[in-house]
Amino acid sequence: VKLQQLKKLSHLDMAALGMPLGTTHGTT
């Protein structure tokens, strides 16, 4: 959505590009 709205990515957005934030819903 940020890319569609031409907004910068956050620290968490960038982190998700290089590491899993949680591979099953309910876990992190």
PDB file of all heavy atoms in Angstrom:
ATOM      1  N   VAL A   1       0.837  -1.201   0.000  1.00  0.00           N
ATOM      2  CA  VAL A   1       0.000   0.000   0.000  1.00  0.00           C
ATOM      3  C   VAL A   1       0.875   1.255   0.000  1.00  0.00           C
ATOM      4  O   VAL A   1       0.570   2.236  -0.687  1.00  0.00           O
ATOM      5  CB  VAL A   1      -0.959  -0.006   1.207  1.00  0.00           C
ATOM      6  CG1 VAL A   1      -1.737   1.304   1.277  1.00  0.00           C
ATOM      7  CG2 VAL A   1      -1.926  -1.181   1.112  1.00  0.00           C
ATOM      8  N   LYS A   2       1.958   1.231   0.752  1.00  0.00           N
ATOM      9  CA  LYS A   2       2.854   2.401   0.772  1.00  0.00           C
ATOM     10  C   LYS A   2       3.420   2.679  -0.618  1.00  0.00           C
ATOM     11  O   LYS A   2       3.539   3.845  -1.025  1.00  0.00           O
ATOM     12  CB  LYS A   2       3.989   2.172   1.770  1.00  0.00           C
ATOM     13  CG  LYS A   2       3.583   2.333   3.218  1.00  0.00           C
ATOM     14  CD  LYS A   2       4.768   2.111   4.132  1.00  0.00           C
ATOM     15  CE  LYS A   2       4.386   2.290   5.593  1.00  0.00           C
ATOM     16  NZ  LYS A   2       5.510   2.009   6.503  1.00  0.00           N
ATOM     17  N   LEU A   3       3.779   1.648  -1.334  1.00  0.00           N
ATOM     18  CA  LEU A   3       4.291   1.842  -2.691  1.00  0.00           C
ATOM     19  C   LEU A   3       3.219   2.441  -3.592  1.00  0.00           C
ATOM     20  O   LEU A   3       3.497   3.305  -4.427  1.00  0.00           O
ATOM     21  CB  LEU A   3       4.803   0.515  -3.256  1.00  0.00           C
ATOM     22  CG  LEU A   3       6.054  -0.058  -2.578  1.00  0.00           C
ATOM     23  CD1 LEU A   3       6.383  -1.443  -3.124  1.00  0.00           C
ATOM     24  CD2 LEU A   3       7.240   0.880  -2.761  1.00  0.00           C
ATOM     25  N   GLN A   4       1.987   1.992  -3.414  1.00  0.00           N
ATOM     26  CA  GLN A   4       0.878   2.563  -4.191  1.00  0.00           C
ATOM     27  C   GLN A   4       0.649   4.023  -3.835  1.00  0.00           C
ATOM     28  O   GLN A   4       0.294   4.840  -4.693  1.00  0.00           O
ATOM     29  CB  GLN A   4      -0.401   1.753  -3.948  1.00  0.00           C
ATOM     30  CG  GLN A   4      -0.373   0.347  -4.510  1.00  0.00           C
ATOM     31  CD  GLN A   4      -1.614  -0.449  -4.139  1.00  0.00           C
ATOM     32  OE1 GLN A   4      -2.473   0.013  -3.403  1.00  0.00           O
ATOM     33  NE2 GLN A   4      -1.711  -1.676  -4.655  1.00  0.00           N
ATOM     34  N   GLN A   5       0.859   4.364  -2.560  1.00  0.00           N
ATOM     35  CA  GLN A   5       0.636   5.736  -2.103  1.00  0.00           C
ATOM     36  C   GLN A   5       1.908   6.590  -2.161  1.00  0.00           C
ATOM     37  O   GLN A   5       1.899   7.735  -1.700  1.00  0.00           O
ATOM     38  CB  GLN A   5       0.093   5.716  -0.670  1.00  0.00           C
ATOM     39  CG  GLN A   5      -1.284   5.068  -0.539  1.00  0.00           C
ATOM     40  CD  GLN A   5      -1.831   5.131   0.887  1.00  0.00           C
ATOM     41  OE1 GLN A   5      -1.179   5.648   1.800  1.00  0.00           O
ATOM     42  NE2 GLN A   5      -3.042   4.636   1.082  1.00  0.00           N
ATOM     43  N   LEU A   6       2.984   6.028  -2.735  1.00  0.00           N
ATOM     44  CA  LEU A   6       4.260   6.734  -2.897  1.00  0.00           C
ATOM     45  C   LEU A   6       4.812   7.218  -1.550  1.00  0.00           C
ATOM     46  O   LEU A   6       5.282   8.357  -1.399  1.00  0.00           O
ATOM     47  CB  LEU A   6       4.094   7.913  -3.854  1.00  0.00           C
ATOM     48  CG  LEU A   6       3.583   7.571  -5.265  1.00  0.00           C
ATOM     49  CD1 LEU A   6       3.456   8.828  -6.111  1.00  0.00           C
ATOM     50  CD2 LEU A   6       4.488   6.551  -5.934  1.00  0.00           C
ATOM     51  N   LYS A   7       4.766   6.315  -0.548  1.00  0.00           N
ATOM     52  CA  LYS A   7       5.280   6.629   0.785  1.00  0.00           C
ATOM     53  C   LYS A   7       6.514   5.790   1.100  1.00  0.00           C
ATOM     54  O   LYS A   7       6.684   4.688   0.561  1.00  0.00           O
ATOM     55  CB  LYS A   7       4.196   6.373   1.838  1.00  0.00           C
ATOM     56  CG  LYS A   7       3.030   7.340   1.739  1.00  0.00           C
ATOM     57  CD  LYS A   7       1.929   6.999   2.724  1.00  0.00           C
ATOM     58  CE  LYS A   7       0.792   8.024   2.640  1.00  0.00           C
ATOM     59  NZ  LYS A   7      -0.352   7.661   3.494  1.00  0.00           N
ATOM     60  N   LYS A   8       7.353   6.298   1.971  1.00  0.00           N
ATOM     61  CA  LYS A   8       8.578   5.598   2.345  1.00  0.00           C
ATOM     62  C   LYS A   8       8.261   4.361   3.185  1.00  0.00           C
ATOM     63  O   LYS A   8       7.300   4.345   3.956  1.00  0.00           O
ATOM     64  CB  LYS A   8       9.488   6.538   3.138  1.00  0.00           C
ATOM     65  CG  LYS A   8      10.082   7.679   2.322  1.00  0.00           C
ATOM     66  CD  LYS A   8      11.021   8.513   3.191  1.00  0.00           C
ATOM     67  CE  LYS A   8      11.651   9.643   2.386  1.00  0.00           C
ATOM     68  NZ  LYS A   8      12.562  10.465   3.231  1.00  0.00           N
ATOM     69  N   LEU A   9       9.123   3.368   3.043  1.00  0.00           N
ATOM     70  CA  LEU A   9       8.993   2.167   3.863  1.00  0.00           C
ATOM     71  C   LEU A   9       9.557   2.439   5.250  1.00  0.00           C
ATOM     72  O   LEU A   9      10.491   3.227   5.413  1.00  0.00           O
ATOM     73  CB  LEU A   9       9.719   0.990   3.212  1.00  0.00           C
ATOM     74  CG  LEU A   9       9.232   0.572   1.821  1.00  0.00           C
ATOM     75  CD1 LEU A   9      10.022  -0.636   1.325  1.00  0.00           C
ATOM     76  CD2 LEU A   9       7.741   0.265   1.824  1.00  0.00           C
ATOM     77  N   SER A  10       9.019   1.762   6.257  1.00  0.00           N
ATOM     78  CA  SER A  10       9.464   1.931   7.639  1.00  0.00           C
ATOM     79  C   SER A  10      10.560   0.926   7.974  1.00  0.00           C
ATOM     80  O   SER A  10      10.920   0.063   7.167  1.00  0.00           O
ATOM     81  CB  SER A  10       8.292   1.734   8.596  1.00  0.00           C
ATOM     82  OG  SER A  10       7.935   0.354   8.656  1.00  0.00           O
ATOM     83  N   HIS A  11      11.064   1.008   9.213  1.00  0.00           N
ATOM     84  CA  HIS A  11      12.090   0.073   9.682  1.00  0.00           C
ATOM     85  C   HIS A  11      11.580  -1.366   9.639  1.00  0.00           C
ATOM     86  O   HIS A  11      12.320  -2.286   9.291  1.00  0.00           O
ATOM     87  CB  HIS A  11      12.528   0.435  11.098  1.00  0.00           C
ATOM     88  CG  HIS A  11      11.456   0.275  12.141  1.00  0.00           C
ATOM     89  ND1 HIS A  11      10.343   1.093  12.211  1.00  0.00           N
ATOM     90  CD2 HIS A  11      11.318  -0.622  13.153  1.00  0.00           C
ATOM     91  CE1 HIS A  11       9.575   0.713  13.210  1.00  0.00           C
ATOM     92  NE2 HIS A  11      10.137  -0.328  13.802  1.00  0.00           N
ATOM     93  N   LEU A  12      10.313  -1.565   9.973  1.00  0.00           N
ATOM     94  CA  LEU A  12       9.762  -2.920   9.970  1.00  0.00           C
ATOM     95  C   LEU A  12       9.574  -3.433   8.544  1.00  0.00           C
ATOM     96  O   LEU A  12       9.815  -4.617   8.262  1.00  0.00           O
ATOM     97  CB  LEU A  12       8.432  -2.939  10.729  1.00  0.00           C
ATOM     98  CG  LEU A  12       7.909  -4.307  11.159  1.00  0.00           C
ATOM     99  CD1 LEU A  12       8.896  -4.984  12.100  1.00  0.00           C
ATOM    100  CD2 LEU A  12       6.557  -4.175  11.843  1.00  0.00           C
ATOM    101  N   ASP A  13       9.156  -2.563   7.633  1.00  0.00           N
ATOM    102  CA  ASP A  13       9.018  -2.953   6.226  1.00  0.00           C
ATOM    103  C   ASP A  13      10.347  -3.440   5.673  1.00  0.00           C
ATOM    104  O   ASP A  13      10.418  -4.453   4.965  1.00  0.00           O
ATOM    105  CB  ASP A  13       8.528  -1.767   5.384  1.00  0.00           C
ATOM    106  CG  ASP A  13       7.222  -1.177   5.884  1.00  0.00           C
ATOM    107  OD1 ASP A  13       6.400  -1.936   6.406  1.00  0.00           O
ATOM    108  OD2 ASP A  13       7.044   0.045   5.740  1.00  0.00           O
ATOM    109  N   MET A  14      11.408  -2.712   5.995  1.00  0.00           N
ATOM    110  CA  MET A  14      12.739  -3.076   5.507  1.00  0.00           C
ATOM    111  C   MET A  14      13.213  -4.380   6.149  1.00  0.00           C
ATOM    112  O   MET A  14      13.823  -5.219   5.480  1.00  0.00           O
ATOM    113  CB  MET A  14      13.727  -1.955   5.801  1.00  0.00           C
ATOM    114  CG  MET A  14      13.384  -0.612   5.137  1.00  0.00           C
ATOM    115  SD  MET A  14      13.265  -0.737   3.325  1.00  0.00           S
ATOM    116  CE  MET A  14      14.964  -1.101   2.911  1.00  0.00           C
ATOM    117  N   ALA A  15      12.919  -4.553   7.433  1.00  0.00           N
ATOM    118  CA  ALA A  15      13.324  -5.780   8.116  1.00  0.00           C
ATOM    119  C   ALA A  15      12.683  -7.008   7.483  1.00  0.00           C
ATOM    120  O   ALA A  15      13.322  -8.056   7.328  1.00  0.00           O
ATOM    121  CB  ALA A  15      12.956  -5.695   9.595  1.00  0.00           C
ATOM    122  N   ALA A  16      11.404  -6.878   7.096  1.00  0.00           N
ATOM    123  CA  ALA A  16      10.675  -8.018   6.522  1.00  0.00           C
ATOM    124  C   ALA A  16      11.239  -8.450   5.175  1.00  0.00           C
ATOM    125  O   ALA A  16      10.998  -9.580   4.740  1.00  0.00           O
ATOM    126  CB  ALA A  16       9.197  -7.677   6.387  1.00  0.00           C
ATOM    127  N   LEU A  17      11.989  -7.571   4.523  1.00  0.00           N
ATOM    128  CA  LEU A  17      12.603  -7.942   3.245  1.00  0.00           C
ATOM    129  C   LEU A  17      13.753  -8.922   3.438  1.00  0.00           C
ATOM    130  O   LEU A  17      14.099  -9.672   2.520  1.00  0.00           O
ATOM    131  CB  LEU A  17      13.117  -6.684   2.530  1.00  0.00           C
ATOM    132  CG  LEU A  17      12.054  -5.661   2.114  1.00  0.00           C
ATOM    133  CD1 LEU A  17      12.723  -4.420   1.525  1.00  0.00           C
ATOM    134  CD2 LEU A  17      11.085  -6.273   1.112  1.00  0.00           C
ATOM    135  N   GLY A  18      14.347  -8.925   4.641  1.00  0.00           N
ATOM    136  CA  GLY A  18      15.518  -9.762   4.866  1.00  0.00           C
ATOM    137  C   GLY A  18      15.360 -10.852   5.887  1.00  0.00           C
ATOM    138  O   GLY A  18      16.252 -11.692   6.041  1.00  0.00           O
ATOM    139  N   MET A  19      14.246 -10.874   6.600  1.00  0.00           N
ATOM    140  CA  MET A  19      14.064 -11.895   7.640  1.00  0.00           C
ATOM    141  C   MET A  19      12.579 -12.159   7.864  1.00  0.00           C
ATOM    142  O   MET A  19      11.748 -11.280   7.628  1.00  0.00           O
ATOM    143  CB  MET A  19      14.715 -11.448   8.955  1.00  0.00           C
ATOM    144  CG  MET A  19      14.089 -10.197   9.554  1.00  0.00           C
ATOM    145  SD  MET A  19      14.910  -9.640  11.072  1.00  0.00           S
ATOM    146  CE  MET A  19      14.386 -10.903  12.216  1.00  0.00           C
ATOM    147  N   PRO A  20      12.233 -13.364   8.306  1.00  0.00           N
ATOM    148  CA  PRO A  20      10.818 -13.638   8.604  1.00  0.00           C
ATOM    149  C   PRO A  20      10.405 -12.957   9.900  1.00  0.00           C
ATOM    150  O   PRO A  20      11.161 -12.960  10.876  1.00  0.00           O
ATOM    151  CB  PRO A  20      10.792 -15.163   8.745  1.00  0.00           C
ATOM    152  CG  PRO A  20      12.176 -15.527   9.190  1.00  0.00           C
ATOM    153  CD  PRO A  20      13.093 -14.542   8.522  1.00  0.00           C
ATOM    154  N   LEU A  21       9.225 -12.370   9.907  1.00  0.00           N
ATOM    155  CA  LEU A  21       8.680 -11.789  11.125  1.00  0.00           C
ATOM    156  C   LEU A  21       7.761 -12.768  11.845  1.00  0.00           C
ATOM    157  O   LEU A  21       7.370 -12.537  12.984  1.00  0.00           O
ATOM    158  CB  LEU A  21       7.909 -10.503  10.799  1.00  0.00           C
ATOM    159  CG  LEU A  21       8.669  -9.429  10.022  1.00  0.00           C
ATOM    160  CD1 LEU A  21       7.802  -8.186   9.843  1.00  0.00           C
ATOM    161  CD2 LEU A  21       9.985  -9.077  10.682  1.00  0.00           C
ATOM    162  N   GLY A  22       7.445 -13.857  11.174  1.00  0.00           N
ATOM    163  CA  GLY A  22       6.583 -14.898  11.730  1.00  0.00           C
ATOM    164  C   GLY A  22       6.072 -15.752  10.592  1.00  0.00           C
ATOM    165  O   GLY A  22       5.462 -15.231   9.666  1.00  0.00           O
ATOM    166  N   THR A  23       6.331 -17.061  10.643  1.00  0.00           N
ATOM    167  CA  THR A  23       5.951 -17.926   9.522  1.00  0.00           C
ATOM    168  C   THR A  23       4.589 -18.578   9.708  1.00  0.00           C
ATOM    169  O   THR A  23       4.072 -19.197   8.785  1.00  0.00           O
ATOM    170  CB  THR A  23       7.008 -19.024   9.291  1.00  0.00           C
ATOM    171  OG1 THR A  23       7.114 -19.845  10.454  1.00  0.00           O
ATOM    172  CG2 THR A  23       8.373 -18.408   8.992  1.00  0.00           C
ATOM    173  N   THR A  24       4.021 -18.460  10.900  1.00  0.00           N
ATOM    174  CA  THR A  24       2.655 -18.924  11.159  1.00  0.00           C
ATOM    175  C   THR A  24       1.929 -17.842  11.933  1.00  0.00           C
ATOM    176  O   THR A  24       2.486 -17.283  12.880  1.00  0.00           O
ATOM    177  CB  THR A  24       2.646 -20.225  11.989  1.00  0.00           C
ATOM    178  OG1 THR A  24       3.313 -21.249  11.277  1.00  0.00           O
ATOM    179  CG2 THR A  24       1.216 -20.675  12.275  1.00  0.00           C
ATOM    180  N   HIS A  25       0.709 -17.522  11.546  1.00  0.00           N
ATOM    181  CA  HIS A  25      -0.060 -16.541  12.291  1.00  0.00           C
ATOM    182  C   HIS A  25      -0.193 -16.992  13.746  1.00  0.00           C
ATOM    183  O   HIS A  25      -0.469 -18.159  14.030  1.00  0.00           O
ATOM    184  CB  HIS A  25      -1.438 -16.361  11.675  1.00  0.00           C
ATOM    185  CG  HIS A  25      -1.399 -15.726  10.318  1.00  0.00           C
ATOM    186  ND1 HIS A  25      -2.514 -15.559   9.543  1.00  0.00           N
ATOM    187  CD2 HIS A  25      -0.365 -15.191   9.608  1.00  0.00           C
ATOM    188  CE1 HIS A  25      -2.185 -14.954   8.405  1.00  0.00           C
ATOM    189  NE2 HIS A  25      -0.891 -14.733   8.426  1.00  0.00           N
ATOM    190  N   GLY A  26       0.018 -16.053  14.649  1.00  0.00           N
ATOM    191  CA  GLY A  26      -0.002 -16.371  16.069  1.00  0.00           C
ATOM    192  C   GLY A  26       1.379 -16.525  16.662  1.00  0.00           C
ATOM    193  O   GLY A  26       1.522 -16.642  17.882  1.00  0.00           O
ATOM    194  N   THR A  27       2.407 -16.543  15.820  1.00  0.00           N
ATOM    195  CA  THR A  27       3.783 -16.632  16.295  1.00  0.00           C
ATOM    196  C   THR A  27       4.603 -15.514  15.665  1.00  0.00           C
ATOM    197  O   THR A  27       4.229 -14.950  14.642  1.00  0.00           O
ATOM    198  CB  THR A  27       4.433 -17.981  15.930  1.00  0.00           C
ATOM    199  OG1 THR A  27       4.538 -18.093  14.504  1.00  0.00           O
ATOM    200  CG2 THR A  27       3.619 -19.148  16.462  1.00  0.00           C
ATOM    201  N   THR A  28       5.731 -15.194  16.302  1.00  0.00           N
ATOM    202  CA  THR A  28       6.652 -14.213  15.733  1.00  0.00           C
ATOM    203  C   THR A  28       8.090 -14.674  15.946  1.00  0.00           C
ATOM    204  O   THR A  28       8.372 -15.531  16.790  1.00  0.00           O
ATOM    205  CB  THR A  28       6.502 -12.822  16.388  1.00  0.00           C
ATOM    206  OG1 THR A  28       6.929 -12.893  17.759  1.00  0.00           O
ATOM    207  CG2 THR A  28       5.071 -12.314  16.311  1.00  0.00           C
TER     208      THR A  28
END
